C-alpha atoms as a PDB file:
ATOM      1  CA  MET A   1       5.241  10.073 -47.488  1.00  0.00           C
ATOM      2  CA  ASP A   2       8.518  11.803 -47.146  1.00  0.00           C
ATOM      3  CA  MET A   3      11.244  10.720 -44.719  1.00  0.00           C
ATOM      4  CA  SER A   4      10.557  13.505 -42.273  1.00  0.00           C
ATOM      5  CA  SER A   5       6.919  12.563 -41.733  1.00  0.00           C
ATOM      6  CA  MET A   6       7.813   8.862 -41.423  1.00  0.00           C
ATOM      7  CA  MET A   7      10.453   9.580 -38.811  1.00  0.00           C
ATOM      8  CA  SER A   8       8.048  11.874 -36.996  1.00  0.00           C
ATOM      9  CA  ALA A   9       5.408   9.131 -36.900  1.00  0.00           C
ATOM     10  CA  GLN A  10       7.952   6.597 -35.623  1.00  0.00           C
ATOM     11  CA  LEU A  11       9.146   9.030 -32.968  1.00  0.00           C
ATOM     12  CA  SER A  12       5.582   9.618 -31.867  1.00  0.00           C
ATOM     13  CA  GLN A  13       4.959   5.872 -31.583  1.00  0.00           C
ATOM     14  CA  LEU A  14       8.187   5.433 -29.644  1.00  0.00           C
ATOM     15  CA  ARG A  15       7.226   8.202 -27.211  1.00  0.00           C
ATOM     16  CA  HIS A  16       3.822   6.598 -26.726  1.00  0.00           C
ATOM     17  CA  THR A  17       5.387   3.177 -26.082  1.00  0.00           C
ATOM     18  CA  VAL A  18       7.891   4.592 -23.603  1.00  0.00           C
ATOM     19  CA  SER A  19       5.229   6.554 -21.732  1.00  0.00           C
ATOM     20  CA  LEU A  20       3.059   3.418 -21.461  1.00  0.00           C
ATOM     21  CA  SER A  21       6.033   1.454 -20.156  1.00  0.00           C
ATOM     22  CA  VAL A  22       6.845   4.122 -17.575  1.00  0.00           C
ATOM     23  CA  MET A  23       3.191   4.252 -16.502  1.00  0.00           C
ATOM     24  CA  LYS A  24       3.072   0.455 -16.064  1.00  0.00           C
ATOM     25  CA  MET A  25       6.260   0.511 -13.989  1.00  0.00           C
ATOM     26  CA  ALA A  26       4.839   3.280 -11.788  1.00  0.00           C
ATOM     27  CA  GLN A  27       1.600   1.353 -11.304  1.00  0.00           C
ATOM     28  CA  ASN A  28       3.511  -1.794 -10.349  1.00  0.00           C
ATOM     29  CA  THR A  29       5.615   0.158  -7.867  1.00  0.00           C
ATOM     30  CA  MET A  30       2.536   1.775  -6.333  1.00  0.00           C
ATOM     31  CA  ALA A  31       0.740  -1.573  -6.115  1.00  0.00           C
ATOM     32  CA  ALA A  32       3.727  -3.158  -4.388  1.00  0.00           C
ATOM     33  CA  GLY A  33       3.876  -0.261  -1.929  1.00  0.00           C
ATOM     34  CA  ALA A  34       0.175  -0.520  -1.189  1.00  0.00           C
ATOM     35  CA  THR A  35       0.463  -4.270  -0.646  1.00  0.00           C
ATOM     36  CA  ALA A  36       3.348  -3.760   1.770  1.00  0.00           C
ATOM     37  CA  MET A  37       1.404  -1.096   3.701  1.00  0.00           C
ATOM     38  CA  ILE A  38      -1.662  -3.329   3.970  1.00  0.00           C
ATOM     39  CA  GLN A  39       0.476  -6.217   5.221  1.00  0.00           C
ATOM     40  CA  ASP A  40       2.205  -3.962   7.771  1.00  0.00           C
ATOM     41  CA  PHE A  41      -1.176  -2.686   8.947  1.00  0.00           C
ATOM     42  CA  SER A  42      -2.459  -6.246   9.308  1.00  0.00           C
ATOM     43  CA  ASN A  43       0.627  -7.227  11.315  1.00  0.00           C
ATOM     44  CA  ALA A  44       0.231  -4.185  13.562  1.00  0.00           C
ATOM     45  CA  GLN A  45      -3.435  -4.997  14.186  1.00  0.00           C
ATOM     46  CA  GLN A  46      -2.564  -8.568  15.112  1.00  0.00           C
ATOM     47  CA  SER A  47       0.134  -7.475  17.552  1.00  0.00           C
ATOM     48  CA  VAL A  48      -2.240  -4.957  19.159  1.00  0.00           C
ATOM     49  CA  GLN A  49      -4.900  -7.638  19.578  1.00  0.00           C
ATOM     50  CA  GLN A  50      -2.381 -10.080  21.038  1.00  0.00           C
ATOM     51  CA  ALA A  51      -1.112  -7.453  23.471  1.00  0.00           C
ATOM     52  CA  ALA A  52      -4.672  -6.637  24.552  1.00  0.00           C
ATOM     53  CA  GLN A  53      -5.417 -10.313  25.201  1.00  0.00           C
ATOM     54  CA  ALA A  54      -2.132 -11.043  26.945  1.00  0.00           C
ATOM     55  CA  ALA A  55      -2.254  -8.116  29.353  1.00  0.00           C
ATOM     56  CA  PRO A  56      -5.702  -7.784  30.903  1.00  0.00           C
ATOM     57  CA  HIS A  57      -6.453  -5.005  33.330  1.00  0.00           C
ATOM     58  CA  PRO A  58      -4.814  -5.866  36.682  1.00  0.00           C
ATOM     59  CA  THR A  59      -7.924  -5.322  38.830  1.00  0.00           C
ATOM     60  CA  ALA A  60     -10.746  -5.938  36.355  1.00  0.00           C
ATOM     61  CA  GLY A  61     -13.442  -7.993  38.054  1.00  0.00           C
ATOM     62  CA  LYS A  62     -11.444  -8.518  41.276  1.00  0.00           C
ATOM     63  CA  VAL A  63     -12.192  -5.388  43.275  1.00  0.00           C
ATOM     64  CA  ILE A  64     -15.598  -3.760  43.496  1.00  0.00           C
ATOM     65  CA  ASP A  65     -15.775  -0.191  44.791  1.00  0.00           C
ATOM     66  CA  ILE A  66     -19.262   0.620  46.055  1.00  0.00           C
ATOM     67  CA  SER A  67     -20.171   3.724  47.997  1.00  0.00           C
ATOM     68  CA  VAL A  68     -23.621   4.417  49.430  1.00  0.00           C
END
């Protein structure tokens, strides 16, 4: 093998390694973002449920409107 082909092979391996590293970092970032969104959604659902339980309808079951 001559020097040019060896350097070309090393450069190709380096590019492959760097692209894998960048892909792993992007996946980790996306996974962290997805985890944060799921947690925020869970917190929002809990606060909506708590608000629904804490503030019942003011006249529900107290006044009956019947017309004949």
